[in-house]
Amino acid sequence: MALRIDHLIVAVPDLDEAAARLFERFGLASVEGGRHQGHGTANRIVPLGDDYIELMSVIDPAEAETSVMGRWVDAAAREGARLHALCLRTDDIAGVAADRGLEAIPMTRLRPDGMVLSWRLAGLDRAISEPPLPFFIQWDTGLREMPGAAVAPHTCDPTGITGVELTGDPAGIRAWIGDADIPVVAATGSPGITKVTLGTSLGEIVLEGSEL
C-alpha cells in the first residue's frame, strides 16, 4: 500500500492564461487535458515525468454549480491562481480507503485524442472539507498513458515534484498520510498548501501560495 505524489492541483481562473504564465516564468509547458464530465471543470496538464501539475478551471459555471468538485474549484479560482490540493497515488485504493473509512469512486476523463482515462479516487470529499488533507488515486491505465508521461515542450527539463509543504494541524496531516516515505512536510498554520518545489535541469523551481 505504498503512497507517492501523483499530482498537485492548481485552481486557476483561466486555463490558457495560467499555462502561458507558467511557461513564461518557469519554462514549464502544458498540454490540453480534457473535461471532467458532470463537474463543469476542465484541465491542462504540466507533465513532470512520474508526477504532474494539474491546472484546473471551471468552464461551465452552471454545471459546476451542481457539483461539489465544481464549486470547490470555482471558489478557489475566484481568488486567483492558487496551490489548491495534493493527490497521492496508490496501487491499493481499496486498502487506503478502508483504512481511513473512505469510499473509492470511479472517474473518467476524455482526452483530446479520444482516449478515455479512468481512475478511482478516495478522500476527495475530505480534501474539500478539511484542507490541506491530500486525497488518493489509483490509475486504471498504463504508465505510458498517465498524465505525467505526456510530452510537452518544456525549456527546463523538469524531473518531478521534490517537496510539498502543508500547513494546518501537523498531527492530523501526518496521521492521514501515515508512514509513507514522501517529500511532504506538515507545519502549523492556516490550512493550505504553502510551498511546492520542483526539480529541473536548470535548478529548483519554488511555487508559493497563490504564485504561478
C-alpha atoms as a PDB file:
ATOM      1  CA  MET A   1       0.000   0.000   0.000  1.00  0.00           C
ATOM      2  CA  ALA A   2       2.836   2.403  -0.869  1.00  0.00           C
ATOM      3  CA  LEU A   3       1.987   6.054  -1.460  1.00  0.00           C
ATOM      4  CA  ARG A   4       3.739   8.575  -3.682  1.00  0.00           C
ATOM      5  CA  ILE A   5       2.948  12.022  -5.021  1.00  0.00           C
ATOM      6  CA  ASP A   6       0.759  11.815  -8.099  1.00  0.00           C
ATOM      7  CA  HIS A   7      -0.169  15.412  -8.814  1.00  0.00           C
ATOM      8  CA  LEU A   8      -0.798  18.872  -7.475  1.00  0.00           C
ATOM      9  CA  ILE A   9      -3.969  20.777  -8.373  1.00  0.00           C
ATOM     10  CA  VAL A  10      -3.650  24.495  -9.068  1.00  0.00           C
ATOM     11  CA  ALA A  11      -7.050  26.183  -9.326  1.00  0.00           C
ATOM     12  CA  VAL A  12      -6.991  28.953 -11.924  1.00  0.00           C
ATOM     13  CA  PRO A  13      -9.500  31.456 -13.349  1.00  0.00           C
ATOM     14  CA  ASP A  14      -8.403  30.802 -16.945  1.00  0.00           C
ATOM     15  CA  LEU A  15      -6.532  27.734 -18.212  1.00  0.00           C
ATOM     16  CA  ASP A  16      -4.801  29.345 -21.179  1.00  0.00           C
ATOM     17  CA  GLU A  17      -3.642  32.407 -19.237  1.00  0.00           C
ATOM     18  CA  ALA A  18      -2.301  30.269 -16.390  1.00  0.00           C
ATOM     19  CA  ALA A  19      -0.486  27.966 -18.811  1.00  0.00           C
ATOM     20  CA  ALA A  20       1.120  30.912 -20.610  1.00  0.00           C
ATOM     21  CA  ARG A  21       2.246  32.471 -17.334  1.00  0.00           C
ATOM     22  CA  LEU A  22       3.758  29.211 -16.087  1.00  0.00           C
ATOM     23  CA  PHE A  23       5.723  28.827 -19.307  1.00  0.00           C
ATOM     24  CA  GLU A  24       6.909  32.436 -19.371  1.00  0.00           C
ATOM     25  CA  ARG A  25       8.062  32.424 -15.754  1.00  0.00           C
ATOM     26  CA  PHE A  26       9.482  28.945 -15.368  1.00  0.00           C
ATOM     27  CA  GLY A  27       9.743  27.296 -18.778  1.00  0.00           C
ATOM     28  CA  LEU A  28       7.094  24.731 -17.822  1.00  0.00           C
ATOM     29  CA  ALA A  29       4.875  23.834 -20.752  1.00  0.00           C
ATOM     30  CA  SER A  30       1.477  22.162 -20.594  1.00  0.00           C
ATOM     31  CA  VAL A  31      -0.822  20.091 -22.764  1.00  0.00           C
ATOM     32  CA  GLU A  32      -4.580  20.090 -23.036  1.00  0.00           C
ATOM     33  CA  GLY A  33      -6.102  17.668 -20.565  1.00  0.00           C
ATOM     34  CA  GLY A  34      -9.823  17.409 -21.075  1.00  0.00           C
ATOM     35  CA  ARG A  35     -13.163  17.947 -19.436  1.00  0.00           C
ATOM     36  CA  HIS A  36     -14.477  16.393 -16.237  1.00  0.00           C
ATOM     37  CA  GLN A  37     -17.979  15.412 -17.291  1.00  0.00           C
ATOM     38  CA  GLY A  38     -20.674  16.372 -14.814  1.00  0.00           C
ATOM     39  CA  HIS A  39     -18.451  18.756 -12.864  1.00  0.00           C
ATOM     40  CA  GLY A  40     -18.185  21.744 -15.192  1.00  0.00           C
ATOM     41  CA  THR A  41     -14.393  21.761 -14.992  1.00  0.00           C
ATOM     42  CA  ALA A  42     -11.520  21.130 -17.380  1.00  0.00           C
ATOM     43  CA  ASN A  43      -7.763  20.962 -17.034  1.00  0.00           C
ATOM     44  CA  ARG A  44      -4.359  21.394 -18.574  1.00  0.00           C
ATOM     45  CA  ILE A  45      -1.523  19.056 -17.632  1.00  0.00           C
ATOM     46  CA  VAL A  46       2.044  20.109 -16.837  1.00  0.00           C
ATOM     47  CA  PRO A  47       3.835  16.736 -17.141  1.00  0.00           C
ATOM     48  CA  LEU A  48       6.840  16.282 -14.862  1.00  0.00           C
ATOM     49  CA  GLY A  49       7.696  12.642 -15.543  1.00  0.00           C
ATOM     50  CA  ASP A  50       6.246  10.424 -12.860  1.00  0.00           C
ATOM     51  CA  ASP A  51       4.032  13.174 -11.458  1.00  0.00           C
ATOM     52  CA  TYR A  52       2.427  16.359 -12.758  1.00  0.00           C
ATOM     53  CA  ILE A  53       0.728  19.668 -12.070  1.00  0.00           C
ATOM     54  CA  GLU A  54      -2.941  19.908 -12.958  1.00  0.00           C
ATOM     55  CA  LEU A  55      -4.213  23.361 -13.849  1.00  0.00           C
ATOM     56  CA  MET A  56      -7.961  23.197 -13.240  1.00  0.00           C
ATOM     57  CA  SER A  57     -10.657  25.720 -14.015  1.00  0.00           C
ATOM     58  CA  VAL A  58     -14.416  25.994 -14.344  1.00  0.00           C
ATOM     59  CA  ILE A  59     -15.537  26.083 -17.980  1.00  0.00           C
ATOM     60  CA  ASP A  60     -19.280  25.582 -17.441  1.00  0.00           C
ATOM     61  CA  PRO A  61     -20.449  27.600 -14.416  1.00  0.00           C
ATOM     62  CA  ALA A  62     -23.983  26.197 -14.484  1.00  0.00           C
ATOM     63  CA  GLU A  63     -22.750  22.600 -14.460  1.00  0.00           C
ATOM     64  CA  ALA A  64     -20.068  23.396 -11.873  1.00  0.00           C
ATOM     65  CA  GLU A  65     -22.721  24.776  -9.538  1.00  0.00           C
ATOM     66  CA  THR A  66     -24.328  21.309  -9.396  1.00  0.00           C
ATOM     67  CA  SER A  67     -21.066  19.575  -8.424  1.00  0.00           C
ATOM     68  CA  VAL A  68     -19.182  19.633  -5.130  1.00  0.00           C
ATOM     69  CA  MET A  69     -15.900  19.497  -7.047  1.00  0.00           C
ATOM     70  CA  GLY A  70     -17.022  22.223  -9.434  1.00  0.00           C
ATOM     71  CA  ARG A  71     -17.984  24.559  -6.601  1.00  0.00           C
ATOM     72  CA  TRP A  72     -14.693  23.773  -4.836  1.00  0.00           C
ATOM     73  CA  VAL A  73     -12.591  24.748  -7.849  1.00  0.00           C
ATOM     74  CA  ASP A  74     -14.725  27.798  -8.595  1.00  0.00           C
ATOM     75  CA  ALA A  75     -14.441  29.170  -5.045  1.00  0.00           C
ATOM     76  CA  ALA A  76     -10.647  28.857  -5.095  1.00  0.00           C
ATOM     77  CA  ALA A  77     -10.183  30.264  -8.598  1.00  0.00           C
ATOM     78  CA  ARG A  78     -12.221  33.359  -7.766  1.00  0.00           C
ATOM     79  CA  GLU A  79      -9.282  34.415  -5.575  1.00  0.00           C
ATOM     80  CA  GLY A  80      -6.782  33.955  -8.406  1.00  0.00           C
ATOM     81  CA  ALA A  81      -4.481  31.080  -9.322  1.00  0.00           C
ATOM     82  CA  ARG A  82      -3.532  29.148  -6.207  1.00  0.00           C
ATOM     83  CA  LEU A  83      -1.999  25.920  -4.961  1.00  0.00           C
ATOM     84  CA  HIS A  84      -5.147  24.019  -4.131  1.00  0.00           C
ATOM     85  CA  ALA A  85      -4.822  20.290  -3.407  1.00  0.00           C
ATOM     86  CA  LEU A  86      -2.399  17.388  -3.301  1.00  0.00           C
ATOM     87  CA  CYS A  87      -3.159  13.920  -4.649  1.00  0.00           C
ATOM     88  CA  LEU A  88      -1.235  10.807  -3.595  1.00  0.00           C
ATOM     89  CA  ARG A  89      -1.028   7.696  -5.775  1.00  0.00           C
ATOM     90  CA  THR A  90      -1.527   4.165  -4.519  1.00  0.00           C
ATOM     91  CA  ASP A  91      -1.696   0.704  -6.052  1.00  0.00           C
ATOM     92  CA  ASP A  92      -4.268  -0.358  -3.436  1.00  0.00           C
ATOM     93  CA  ILE A  93      -7.047   2.213  -3.357  1.00  0.00           C
ATOM     94  CA  ALA A  94      -9.379  -0.261  -1.649  1.00  0.00           C
ATOM     95  CA  GLY A  95      -6.946  -0.686   1.232  1.00  0.00           C
ATOM     96  CA  VAL A  96      -6.252   3.042   1.536  1.00  0.00           C
ATOM     97  CA  ALA A  97      -9.969   3.760   1.562  1.00  0.00           C
ATOM     98  CA  ALA A  98     -10.756   1.043   4.112  1.00  0.00           C
ATOM     99  CA  ASP A  99      -8.031   2.226   6.489  1.00  0.00           C
ATOM    100  CA  ARG A 100      -9.489   5.736   6.502  1.00  0.00           C
ATOM    101  CA  GLY A 101     -13.194   4.941   6.343  1.00  0.00           C
ATOM    102  CA  LEU A 102     -13.492   6.195   2.768  1.00  0.00           C
ATOM    103  CA  GLU A 103     -15.201   5.049  -0.418  1.00  0.00           C
ATOM    104  CA  ALA A 104     -13.309   4.651  -3.695  1.00  0.00           C
ATOM    105  CA  ILE A 105     -15.174   6.396  -6.521  1.00  0.00           C
ATOM    106  CA  PRO A 106     -14.574   5.667 -10.225  1.00  0.00           C
ATOM    107  CA  MET A 107     -13.981   8.652 -12.518  1.00  0.00           C
ATOM    108  CA  THR A 108     -13.104   9.228 -16.176  1.00  0.00           C
ATOM    109  CA  ARG A 109     -11.837  11.996 -18.431  1.00  0.00           C
ATOM    110  CA  LEU A 110     -11.936  12.164 -22.214  1.00  0.00           C
ATOM    111  CA  ARG A 111      -8.605  13.253 -23.681  1.00  0.00           C
ATOM    112  CA  PRO A 112      -8.475  15.395 -26.829  1.00  0.00           C
ATOM    113  CA  ASP A 113      -7.143  12.388 -28.769  1.00  0.00           C
ATOM    114  CA  GLY A 114     -10.293  10.437 -27.921  1.00  0.00           C
ATOM    115  CA  MET A 115      -8.772   8.166 -25.288  1.00  0.00           C
ATOM    116  CA  VAL A 116     -10.743   7.800 -22.080  1.00  0.00           C
ATOM    117  CA  LEU A 117      -8.609   7.829 -18.930  1.00  0.00           C
ATOM    118  CA  SER A 118     -10.087   6.081 -15.911  1.00  0.00           C
ATOM    119  CA  TRP A 119      -9.142   6.070 -12.269  1.00  0.00           C
ATOM    120  CA  ARG A 120     -10.520   5.654  -8.774  1.00  0.00           C
ATOM    121  CA  LEU A 121     -10.440   8.374  -6.136  1.00  0.00           C
ATOM    122  CA  ALA A 122     -10.805   8.236  -2.376  1.00  0.00           C
ATOM    123  CA  GLY A 123     -10.935  11.070   0.120  1.00  0.00           C
ATOM    124  CA  LEU A 124     -11.750  13.949  -2.225  1.00  0.00           C
ATOM    125  CA  ASP A 125     -14.673  14.951  -0.017  1.00  0.00           C
ATOM    126  CA  ARG A 126     -12.321  15.143   2.977  1.00  0.00           C
ATOM    127  CA  ALA A 127      -9.779  17.141   0.971  1.00  0.00           C
ATOM    128  CA  ILE A 128     -12.535  19.576   0.064  1.00  0.00           C
ATOM    129  CA  SER A 129     -13.935  19.940   3.582  1.00  0.00           C
ATOM    130  CA  GLU A 130     -10.674  19.642   5.536  1.00  0.00           C
ATOM    131  CA  PRO A 131      -7.802  21.259   3.645  1.00  0.00           C
ATOM    132  CA  PRO A 132      -4.956  20.577   3.211  1.00  0.00           C
ATOM    133  CA  LEU A 133      -5.559  16.814   3.621  1.00  0.00           C
ATOM    134  CA  PRO A 134      -4.488  15.034   0.413  1.00  0.00           C
ATOM    135  CA  PHE A 135      -6.793  12.720  -1.469  1.00  0.00           C
ATOM    136  CA  PHE A 136      -5.837   9.417  -3.079  1.00  0.00           C
ATOM    137  CA  ILE A 137      -5.865   7.950  -6.583  1.00  0.00           C
ATOM    138  CA  GLN A 138      -5.314   4.644  -8.317  1.00  0.00           C
ATOM    139  CA  TRP A 139      -4.990   4.806 -12.090  1.00  0.00           C
ATOM    140  CA  ASP A 140      -6.582   2.156 -14.277  1.00  0.00           C
ATOM    141  CA  THR A 141      -4.232   2.890 -17.161  1.00  0.00           C
ATOM    142  CA  GLY A 142      -0.658   2.029 -18.041  1.00  0.00           C
ATOM    143  CA  LEU A 143       2.327   4.160 -17.075  1.00  0.00           C
ATOM    144  CA  ARG A 144       2.843   5.438 -20.619  1.00  0.00           C
ATOM    145  CA  GLU A 145      -0.690   6.855 -20.728  1.00  0.00           C
ATOM    146  CA  MET A 146      -0.566   8.576 -17.355  1.00  0.00           C
ATOM    147  CA  PRO A 147      -0.654  12.398 -17.404  1.00  0.00           C
ATOM    148  CA  GLY A 148       2.889  12.860 -16.082  1.00  0.00           C
ATOM    149  CA  ALA A 149       4.272  10.943 -19.058  1.00  0.00           C
ATOM    150  CA  ALA A 150       2.797  13.311 -21.663  1.00  0.00           C
ATOM    151  CA  VAL A 151       5.212  15.128 -23.953  1.00  0.00           C
ATOM    152  CA  ALA A 152       5.372  18.912 -23.551  1.00  0.00           C
ATOM    153  CA  PRO A 153       7.883  21.460 -24.918  1.00  0.00           C
ATOM    154  CA  HIS A 154       9.453  22.462 -21.612  1.00  0.00           C
ATOM    155  CA  THR A 155      12.589  24.602 -21.687  1.00  0.00           C
ATOM    156  CA  CYS A 156      13.815  23.436 -18.276  1.00  0.00           C
ATOM    157  CA  ASP A 157      13.592  19.593 -18.354  1.00  0.00           C
ATOM    158  CA  PRO A 158      11.593  19.001 -15.127  1.00  0.00           C
ATOM    159  CA  THR A 159      12.359  15.948 -13.001  1.00  0.00           C
ATOM    160  CA  GLY A 160       9.317  15.994 -10.719  1.00  0.00           C
ATOM    161  CA  ILE A 161       7.839  17.342  -7.507  1.00  0.00           C
ATOM    162  CA  THR A 162      10.565  17.279  -4.861  1.00  0.00           C
ATOM    163  CA  GLY A 163       8.732  18.791  -1.898  1.00  0.00           C
ATOM    164  CA  VAL A 164       5.324  19.950  -0.664  1.00  0.00           C
ATOM    165  CA  GLU A 165       4.659  21.997   2.465  1.00  0.00           C
ATOM    166  CA  LEU A 166       1.197  21.659   4.000  1.00  0.00           C
ATOM    167  CA  THR A 167       0.037  23.856   6.865  1.00  0.00           C
ATOM    168  CA  GLY A 168      -2.786  23.226   9.294  1.00  0.00           C
ATOM    169  CA  ASP A 169      -2.830  20.588  12.029  1.00  0.00           C
ATOM    170  CA  PRO A 170       0.505  18.737  11.615  1.00  0.00           C
ATOM    171  CA  ALA A 171      -0.543  15.742  13.726  1.00  0.00           C
ATOM    172  CA  GLY A 172      -3.764  15.323  11.799  1.00  0.00           C
ATOM    173  CA  ILE A 173      -1.994  15.619   8.447  1.00  0.00           C
ATOM    174  CA  ARG A 174       0.650  13.054   9.412  1.00  0.00           C
ATOM    175  CA  ALA A 175      -1.987  10.640  10.725  1.00  0.00           C
ATOM    176  CA  TRP A 176      -3.919  10.962   7.466  1.00  0.00           C
ATOM    177  CA  ILE A 177      -0.863  10.307   5.290  1.00  0.00           C
ATOM    178  CA  GLY A 178       0.530   7.583   7.533  1.00  0.00           C
ATOM    179  CA  ASP A 179       4.138   6.483   7.413  1.00  0.00           C
ATOM    180  CA  ALA A 180       4.554   6.955   3.655  1.00  0.00           C
ATOM    181  CA  ASP A 181       8.074   7.972   2.627  1.00  0.00           C
ATOM    182  CA  ILE A 182       7.152  11.005   0.538  1.00  0.00           C
ATOM    183  CA  PRO A 183       8.559  14.567   0.479  1.00  0.00           C
ATOM    184  CA  VAL A 184       5.625  16.174   2.285  1.00  0.00           C
ATOM    185  CA  VAL A 185       6.191  18.410   5.313  1.00  0.00           C
ATOM    186  CA  ALA A 186       3.376  19.337   7.710  1.00  0.00           C
ATOM    187  CA  ALA A 187       3.600  22.600   9.648  1.00  0.00           C
ATOM    188  CA  THR A 188       1.344  24.662  11.889  1.00  0.00           C
ATOM    189  CA  GLY A 189      -0.516  27.469  10.172  1.00  0.00           C
ATOM    190  CA  SER A 190      -3.614  28.437   8.254  1.00  0.00           C
ATOM    191  CA  PRO A 191      -4.867  25.371   6.348  1.00  0.00           C
ATOM    192  CA  GLY A 192      -3.420  25.173   2.873  1.00  0.00           C
ATOM    193  CA  ILE A 193      -0.526  24.299   0.610  1.00  0.00           C
ATOM    194  CA  THR A 194       2.120  26.930   1.217  1.00  0.00           C
ATOM    195  CA  LYS A 195       5.038  25.767  -0.932  1.00  0.00           C
ATOM    196  CA  VAL A 196       5.842  23.287  -3.686  1.00  0.00           C
ATOM    197  CA  THR A 197       9.321  22.638  -5.079  1.00  0.00           C
ATOM    198  CA  LEU A 198      10.097  21.118  -8.463  1.00  0.00           C
ATOM    199  CA  GLY A 199      13.383  19.747  -9.699  1.00  0.00           C
ATOM    200  CA  THR A 200      14.585  20.802 -13.169  1.00  0.00           C
ATOM    201  CA  SER A 201      17.773  20.694 -15.206  1.00  0.00           C
ATOM    202  CA  LEU A 202      18.153  24.440 -14.612  1.00  0.00           C
ATOM    203  CA  GLY A 203      17.720  24.287 -10.858  1.00  0.00           C
ATOM    204  CA  GLU A 204      14.870  24.203  -8.389  1.00  0.00           C
ATOM    205  CA  ILE A 205      11.547  25.922  -9.023  1.00  0.00           C
ATOM    206  CA  VAL A 206       9.605  27.087  -5.984  1.00  0.00           C
ATOM    207  CA  LEU A 207       5.881  27.812  -6.102  1.00  0.00           C
ATOM    208  CA  GLU A 208       4.462  29.545  -3.051  1.00  0.00           C
ATOM    209  CA  GLY A 209       0.898  30.302  -2.040  1.00  0.00           C
ATOM    210  CA  SER A 210      -1.009  31.743  -4.969  1.00  0.00           C
ATOM    211  CA  GLU A 211       2.130  32.360  -7.017  1.00  0.00           C
ATOM    212  CA  LEU A 212       2.475  30.954 -10.520  1.00  0.00           C
END
